[in-house]
């Protein structure tokens, strides 16, 4: 497939509305379409939200999308971005909300030794910026979630393990070192980076 013929008009309309560009499943976009899309969007700084759910975007396309300069919220749910694609996107300096749900991430890590899992996950979770990362519906086991949480705790990232709209997690705040309940909502603004993982082993088909 290719970008829609009216892509220029779609981008202009997105600029005039709320900065959101939606190119969902009906578009059938592939990795080969991403270079042109990135080039065009990097010329339109008012477009700050890009939704590409349920297309056919894999690792190379995700790496290309990591070159976006102005996008703050990126939805790639229901694609197949792969580990390296996910890492590249998470390290993009402008992206604050990244939805990688239902991308079949994590399945290959389930039976790995802990040290190898940490080596795989560290680049994805090592970030000092504010980032909301949605990894729900990705065939993640309870063991995997536990390992992710340990990795995230090491990097001062708040973790949530439920697919519910909010779930209590604990964080340390202030000089008094007291513990309080913090509620995480997917795609909400948080003072530190955060993660939405989802229920163990859950996945939704494309």
Protein backbone atom coordinates (compact mmCIF):
# COMPACT_ATOMS: atom_id res chain seq x y z
CA UNK A 1 0.00 0.00 0.00
CA UNK A 2 1.01 3.65 0.00
CA UNK A 3 0.09 6.89 1.71
CA UNK A 4 -3.37 8.18 0.79
CA UNK A 5 -3.50 10.53 -2.18
CA UNK A 6 -5.03 13.21 0.00
CA UNK A 7 -2.32 13.00 2.67
CA UNK A 8 -1.44 16.69 2.22
CA UNK A 9 -5.04 17.66 2.89
CA UNK A 10 -5.22 15.27 5.87
CA UNK A 11 -2.18 16.94 7.40
CA UNK A 12 -3.58 20.43 6.82
CA UNK A 13 -6.86 19.45 8.46
CA UNK A 14 -4.97 17.99 11.43
CA UNK A 15 -3.11 21.28 11.85
CA UNK A 16 -6.35 23.25 11.79
CA UNK A 17 -8.06 21.01 14.36
CA UNK A 18 -6.23 19.52 17.33
CA UNK A 19 -2.94 18.43 15.75
CA UNK A 20 -4.10 14.80 15.49
CA UNK A 21 -3.51 12.77 12.32
CA UNK A 22 -5.30 9.41 12.12
CA UNK A 23 -4.18 6.83 9.53
CA UNK A 24 -5.70 3.61 10.85
CA UNK A 25 -6.18 0.06 9.65
CA UNK A 26 -8.06 0.88 6.45
CA UNK A 27 -4.92 2.56 5.11
CA UNK A 28 -2.83 -0.64 5.16
CA UNK A 29 0.41 1.28 5.67
CA UNK A 30 3.74 -0.56 5.57
CA UNK A 31 7.37 0.11 6.46
CA UNK A 32 8.07 1.48 2.99
CA UNK A 33 5.52 4.28 3.54
CA UNK A 34 7.13 5.63 6.69
CA UNK A 35 10.03 7.60 5.18
CA UNK A 36 7.73 9.85 3.18
CA UNK A 37 5.34 10.22 6.12
CA UNK A 38 8.18 11.25 8.44
CA UNK A 39 9.52 13.72 5.87
CA UNK A 40 6.11 15.36 5.53
CA UNK A 41 5.34 15.50 9.24
CA UNK A 42 8.73 16.99 10.05
CA UNK A 43 7.64 19.95 7.92
CA UNK A 44 4.45 20.43 9.97
CA UNK A 45 5.29 21.10 13.63
CA UNK A 46 1.63 21.68 14.55
CA UNK A 47 0.85 17.99 14.00
CA UNK A 48 1.74 16.51 17.39
CA UNK A 49 -0.43 13.37 17.56
CA UNK A 50 -0.02 10.48 15.11
CA UNK A 51 -2.28 7.42 15.18
CA UNK A 52 -1.29 4.41 13.03
CA UNK A 53 -3.14 1.49 14.69
CA UNK A 54 -3.52 -1.91 13.04
CA UNK A 55 -1.41 -1.30 9.97
CA UNK A 56 1.53 -3.46 8.84
CA UNK A 57 4.36 -1.48 10.41
CA UNK A 58 7.29 -3.57 11.62
CA UNK A 59 10.80 -2.93 12.92
CA UNK A 60 12.25 -0.91 10.04
CA UNK A 61 9.15 1.27 9.87
CA UNK A 62 9.28 1.91 13.62
CA UNK A 63 12.94 2.88 13.41
CA UNK A 64 12.05 5.33 10.64
CA UNK A 65 9.23 6.77 12.77
CA UNK A 66 11.72 7.33 15.59
CA UNK A 67 13.05 10.23 13.47
CA UNK A 68 9.83 12.21 13.94
CA UNK A 69 10.69 15.62 15.37
CA UNK A 70 7.41 17.05 16.64
CA UNK A 71 5.12 14.12 17.47
CA UNK A 72 4.31 13.96 21.20
CA UNK A 73 1.78 11.11 21.11
CA UNK A 74 2.27 8.08 18.85
CA UNK A 75 -0.19 5.18 18.61
CA UNK A 76 1.22 2.04 16.95
CA UNK A 77 -1.09 -0.49 18.59
CA UNK A 78 -1.76 -3.65 16.61
CA UNK A 79 1.39 -3.52 14.49
CA UNK A 80 4.62 -5.53 14.83
CA UNK A 81 7.34 -3.05 15.69
CA UNK A 82 9.73 -5.54 17.33
CA UNK A 83 12.18 -4.98 20.16
CA UNK A 84 14.60 -2.72 18.28
CA UNK A 85 11.76 -0.66 16.86
CA UNK A 86 10.31 -0.21 20.35
CA UNK A 87 13.67 0.86 21.75
CA UNK A 88 14.21 3.39 18.97
CA UNK A 89 10.76 4.90 19.51
CA UNK A 90 11.12 5.07 23.31
CA UNK A 91 14.37 7.00 22.89
CA UNK A 92 12.83 9.62 20.60
CA UNK A 93 13.19 12.93 22.51
CA UNK A 94 9.84 14.40 21.48
CA UNK A 95 7.51 11.43 22.10
CA UNK A 96 5.79 11.59 25.50
CA UNK A 97 3.00 9.03 24.97
CA UNK A 98 3.83 5.81 23.13
CA UNK A 99 1.22 3.08 22.58
CA UNK A 100 2.81 -0.25 21.60
CA UNK A 101 -0.04 -2.44 22.81
CA UNK A 102 -0.82 -5.63 20.91
CA UNK A 103 2.55 -5.75 19.12
CA UNK A 104 3.54 -9.28 20.24
CA UNK A 105 6.42 -7.89 22.27
CA UNK A 106 7.92 -9.88 25.12
CA UNK A 107 6.97 -13.43 24.10
CA UNK A 108 10.58 -14.34 23.32
CA UNK A 109 11.71 -13.10 26.76
CA UNK A 110 9.44 -15.25 28.92
CA UNK A 111 11.82 -18.20 29.36
CA UNK A 112 15.05 -16.21 29.34
CA UNK A 113 17.31 -16.05 32.42
CA UNK A 114 16.82 -12.90 34.48
CA UNK A 115 20.16 -11.38 33.47
CA UNK A 116 19.35 -11.75 29.78
CA UNK A 117 15.90 -10.22 30.25
CA UNK A 118 17.48 -7.22 31.97
CA UNK A 119 19.94 -6.80 29.12
CA UNK A 120 17.04 -6.88 26.63
CA UNK A 121 14.86 -4.42 28.56
CA UNK A 122 17.38 -1.87 29.79
CA UNK A 123 17.57 0.19 26.56
CA UNK A 124 13.76 0.40 26.43
CA UNK A 125 13.36 1.59 30.02
CA UNK A 126 16.45 3.79 30.33
CA UNK A 127 14.96 7.25 29.86
CA UNK A 128 15.09 10.46 31.86
CA UNK A 129 12.19 12.09 30.02
CA UNK A 130 8.49 11.96 30.82
CA UNK A 131 7.14 8.98 28.88
CA UNK A 132 3.87 7.06 29.07
CA UNK A 133 4.52 3.65 27.53
CA UNK A 134 1.63 1.23 26.88
CA UNK A 135 2.74 -2.41 26.48
CA UNK A 136 -0.61 -4.04 27.25
CA UNK A 137 -1.89 -7.07 25.28
CA UNK A 138 1.62 -8.28 24.45
CA UNK A 139 1.71 -11.93 25.66
CA UNK A 140 3.44 -10.95 28.89
CA UNK A 141 3.62 -13.55 31.67
CA UNK A 142 3.55 -12.81 35.41
CA UNK A 143 7.26 -13.67 35.57
CA UNK A 144 7.97 -11.25 32.75
CA UNK A 145 5.99 -8.47 34.44
CA UNK A 146 7.92 -9.04 37.67
CA UNK A 147 11.19 -8.77 35.77
CA UNK A 148 10.05 -5.62 33.99
CA UNK A 149 9.07 -4.05 37.31
CA UNK A 150 12.52 -4.75 38.76
CA UNK A 151 14.12 -3.16 35.74
CA UNK A 152 11.80 -0.16 35.92
CA UNK A 153 12.38 0.32 39.64
CA UNK A 154 16.09 0.49 38.90
CA UNK A 155 15.42 3.33 36.48
CA UNK A 156 12.92 5.28 38.65
CA UNK A 157 9.96 4.56 36.38
CA UNK A 158 6.47 4.10 37.84
CA UNK A 159 4.85 0.81 36.81
CA UNK A 160 1.21 -0.22 36.51
CA UNK A 161 0.19 -3.82 35.91
CA UNK A 162 -3.54 -3.61 35.22
CA UNK A 163 -5.61 -3.02 32.13
CA UNK A 164 -8.08 -1.19 34.35
CA UNK A 165 -8.29 2.55 33.83
CA UNK A 166 -6.23 3.10 36.98
CA UNK A 167 -4.22 0.90 39.32
CA UNK A 168 -2.38 1.68 42.58
CA UNK A 169 1.39 1.50 42.55
CA UNK A 170 3.84 2.73 45.18
CA UNK A 171 6.40 5.47 44.80
CA UNK A 172 8.68 7.36 47.15
CA UNK A 173 8.06 11.10 47.30
CA UNK A 174 9.66 14.01 49.13
CA UNK A 175 12.38 14.25 51.73
CA UNK A 176 10.28 12.52 54.38
CA UNK A 177 10.69 9.22 52.48
CA UNK A 178 7.04 8.31 53.06
CA UNK A 179 5.22 5.92 50.71
CA UNK A 180 1.89 6.81 49.13
CA UNK A 181 -0.45 5.25 46.55
CA UNK A 182 -0.06 6.69 43.08
CA UNK A 183 -2.74 6.05 40.46
CA UNK A 184 -1.64 5.60 36.88
CA UNK A 185 -3.98 6.24 33.98
CA UNK A 186 -2.83 5.37 30.45
CA UNK A 187 -1.94 8.46 28.40
CA UNK A 188 -2.12 10.77 31.43
CA UNK A 189 0.52 13.32 32.38
CA UNK A 190 2.83 12.10 35.15
CA UNK A 191 5.85 13.75 36.79
CA UNK A 192 8.03 10.76 35.92
CA UNK A 193 8.04 8.16 33.19
CA UNK A 194 5.40 5.45 33.48
CA UNK A 195 4.40 2.10 32.06
CA UNK A 196 1.11 0.34 31.38
CA UNK A 197 1.78 -3.38 30.98
CA UNK A 198 -1.58 -5.17 31.11
CA UNK A 199 -2.78 -8.43 32.62
CA UNK A 200 -0.40 -11.42 32.46
CA UNK A 201 -0.46 -13.21 29.14
CA UNK A 202 -3.20 -11.06 27.64
CA UNK A 203 -3.28 -10.27 23.97
CA UNK A 204 -5.82 -9.11 21.44
CA UNK A 205 -5.65 -10.30 17.87
CA UNK A 206 -5.16 -7.75 15.14
